[in-house]
Amino acid sequence: MAKLKITKVRSAIKRPLRQKRTLEALGLRKMNQVVEHDDTPVIQGMIAKVEHLVSVEKA
């Protein structure tokens, strides 16, 4: 399965609680933190909700 590297590039301050919880569910807590996830429809949906706060690249 393909992997994605997700990096938190913008702060979650003044963002809706739903977006904050989505970042936490992805495992992103600190700025510039990088996590790897499998490229699944669930992860793609989560990324779509916070695409303005993260950057995504193929791993």
N, C-alpha and C. Protein backbone atom coordinates (compact mmCIF):
# COMPACT_ATOMS: atom_id res chain seq x y z
N MET A 1 0.84 -1.18 0.00
CA MET A 1 0.00 0.00 0.00
C MET A 1 0.89 1.24 0.00
N ALA A 2 0.48 2.26 -0.71
CA ALA A 2 1.24 3.51 -0.80
C ALA A 2 1.20 4.24 0.54
N LYS A 3 2.27 4.95 0.82
CA LYS A 3 2.37 5.72 2.07
C LYS A 3 2.33 7.20 1.75
N LEU A 4 1.81 7.98 2.70
CA LEU A 4 1.79 9.43 2.59
C LEU A 4 2.53 10.03 3.77
N LYS A 5 3.33 11.07 3.50
CA LYS A 5 3.97 11.83 4.57
C LYS A 5 3.17 13.11 4.75
N ILE A 6 2.64 13.31 5.94
CA ILE A 6 1.80 14.46 6.23
C ILE A 6 2.54 15.34 7.23
N THR A 7 2.69 16.62 6.90
CA THR A 7 3.40 17.57 7.74
C THR A 7 2.46 18.70 8.15
N LYS A 8 2.44 19.01 9.43
CA LYS A 8 1.63 20.13 9.90
C LYS A 8 2.41 21.42 9.65
N VAL A 9 1.86 22.31 8.82
CA VAL A 9 2.58 23.52 8.45
C VAL A 9 1.92 24.79 8.97
N ARG A 10 0.69 24.71 9.44
CA ARG A 10 0.01 25.88 9.99
C ARG A 10 -0.62 25.53 11.33
N SER A 11 -0.77 26.52 12.17
CA SER A 11 -1.29 26.33 13.51
C SER A 11 -2.80 26.05 13.51
N ALA A 12 -3.24 25.38 14.55
CA ALA A 12 -4.67 25.09 14.71
C ALA A 12 -5.35 26.11 15.63
N ILE A 13 -4.63 27.13 16.02
CA ILE A 13 -5.21 28.18 16.87
C ILE A 13 -6.29 28.91 16.06
N LYS A 14 -7.39 29.19 16.71
CA LYS A 14 -8.56 29.85 16.10
C LYS A 14 -9.18 29.02 14.98
N ARG A 15 -9.06 27.73 15.06
CA ARG A 15 -9.70 26.83 14.09
C ARG A 15 -10.84 26.12 14.79
N PRO A 16 -11.84 25.67 14.05
CA PRO A 16 -12.95 24.94 14.66
C PRO A 16 -12.47 23.66 15.35
N LEU A 17 -13.18 23.27 16.39
CA LEU A 17 -12.83 22.08 17.16
C LEU A 17 -12.73 20.85 16.27
N ARG A 18 -13.59 20.77 15.27
CA ARG A 18 -13.57 19.61 14.36
C ARG A 18 -12.23 19.49 13.64
N GLN A 19 -11.66 20.61 13.22
CA GLN A 19 -10.37 20.58 12.54
C GLN A 19 -9.25 20.23 13.52
N LYS A 20 -9.33 20.74 14.74
CA LYS A 20 -8.32 20.41 15.75
C LYS A 20 -8.34 18.91 16.04
N ARG A 21 -9.53 18.34 16.16
CA ARG A 21 -9.66 16.91 16.45
C ARG A 21 -9.17 16.07 15.28
N THR A 22 -9.37 16.55 14.05
CA THR A 22 -8.90 15.82 12.88
C THR A 22 -7.38 15.78 12.87
N LEU A 23 -6.73 16.90 13.19
CA LEU A 23 -5.27 16.92 13.27
C LEU A 23 -4.77 15.95 14.33
N GLU A 24 -5.43 15.92 15.48
CA GLU A 24 -5.03 15.00 16.55
C GLU A 24 -5.22 13.55 16.10
N ALA A 25 -6.29 13.28 15.39
CA ALA A 25 -6.55 11.92 14.91
C ALA A 25 -5.50 11.48 13.90
N LEU A 26 -4.96 12.44 13.15
CA LEU A 26 -3.88 12.12 12.21
C LEU A 26 -2.55 11.94 12.94
N GLY A 27 -2.49 12.34 14.21
CA GLY A 27 -1.26 12.21 14.98
C GLY A 27 -0.40 13.46 14.94
N LEU A 28 -0.97 14.56 14.51
CA LEU A 28 -0.22 15.82 14.40
C LEU A 28 -0.51 16.71 15.60
N ARG A 29 0.52 17.01 16.38
CA ARG A 29 0.36 17.85 17.54
C ARG A 29 1.20 19.12 17.43
N LYS A 30 2.45 18.99 17.06
CA LYS A 30 3.36 20.14 17.01
C LYS A 30 3.57 20.62 15.58
N MET A 31 3.99 21.87 15.46
CA MET A 31 4.30 22.44 14.15
C MET A 31 5.46 21.67 13.52
N ASN A 32 5.41 21.50 12.21
CA ASN A 32 6.44 20.81 11.42
C ASN A 32 6.61 19.34 11.79
N GLN A 33 5.67 18.78 12.52
CA GLN A 33 5.71 17.36 12.83
C GLN A 33 5.29 16.57 11.59
N VAL A 34 5.96 15.46 11.35
CA VAL A 34 5.68 14.63 10.18
C VAL A 34 5.20 13.26 10.65
N VAL A 35 4.12 12.79 10.03
CA VAL A 35 3.62 11.43 10.30
C VAL A 35 3.43 10.73 8.97
N GLU A 36 3.49 9.41 9.01
CA GLU A 36 3.25 8.60 7.81
C GLU A 36 2.00 7.77 8.01
N HIS A 37 1.16 7.75 6.99
CA HIS A 37 -0.06 6.95 7.00
C HIS A 37 -0.19 6.25 5.66
N ASP A 38 -0.91 5.13 5.66
CA ASP A 38 -1.25 4.47 4.40
C ASP A 38 -2.23 5.35 3.63
N ASP A 39 -2.17 5.28 2.32
CA ASP A 39 -3.05 6.07 1.47
C ASP A 39 -4.39 5.35 1.32
N THR A 40 -5.30 5.62 2.27
CA THR A 40 -6.62 5.00 2.26
C THR A 40 -7.68 6.09 2.08
N PRO A 41 -8.89 5.72 1.70
CA PRO A 41 -9.95 6.72 1.56
C PRO A 41 -10.24 7.47 2.86
N VAL A 42 -10.10 6.80 3.99
CA VAL A 42 -10.35 7.45 5.28
C VAL A 42 -9.33 8.57 5.51
N ILE A 43 -8.06 8.25 5.31
CA ILE A 43 -7.00 9.25 5.51
C ILE A 43 -7.15 10.38 4.49
N GLN A 44 -7.51 10.06 3.25
CA GLN A 44 -7.71 11.09 2.23
C GLN A 44 -8.82 12.06 2.65
N GLY A 45 -9.88 11.54 3.24
CA GLY A 45 -10.96 12.39 3.71
C GLY A 45 -10.53 13.29 4.84
N MET A 46 -9.73 12.76 5.76
CA MET A 46 -9.23 13.56 6.87
C MET A 46 -8.32 14.68 6.36
N ILE A 47 -7.47 14.35 5.39
CA ILE A 47 -6.57 15.35 4.81
C ILE A 47 -7.39 16.44 4.12
N ALA A 48 -8.46 16.06 3.44
CA ALA A 48 -9.29 17.04 2.74
C ALA A 48 -9.89 18.06 3.70
N LYS A 49 -10.20 17.64 4.92
CA LYS A 49 -10.79 18.54 5.90
C LYS A 49 -9.80 19.56 6.45
N VAL A 50 -8.51 19.22 6.42
CA VAL A 50 -7.50 20.13 6.99
C VAL A 50 -6.39 20.43 5.98
N GLU A 51 -6.70 20.39 4.69
CA GLU A 51 -5.67 20.56 3.67
C GLU A 51 -5.00 21.92 3.72
N HIS A 52 -5.66 22.91 4.31
CA HIS A 52 -5.07 24.24 4.43
C HIS A 52 -4.08 24.33 5.60
N LEU A 53 -4.00 23.29 6.43
CA LEU A 53 -3.11 23.27 7.58
C LEU A 53 -1.94 22.31 7.43
N VAL A 54 -1.98 21.45 6.41
CA VAL A 54 -0.96 20.42 6.24
C VAL A 54 -0.41 20.41 4.82
N SER A 55 0.75 19.79 4.69
CA SER A 55 1.26 19.51 3.35
C SER A 55 1.42 17.99 3.25
N VAL A 56 1.17 17.46 2.06
CA VAL A 56 1.15 16.02 1.85
C VAL A 56 2.07 15.67 0.69
N GLU A 57 2.87 14.61 0.87
CA GLU A 57 3.71 14.11 -0.22
C GLU A 57 3.76 12.60 -0.14
N LYS A 58 4.06 11.98 -1.25
CA LYS A 58 4.19 10.52 -1.28
C LYS A 58 5.48 10.11 -0.57
N ALA A 59 5.40 9.03 0.18
CA ALA A 59 6.58 8.55 0.91
C ALA A 59 7.25 7.43 0.17
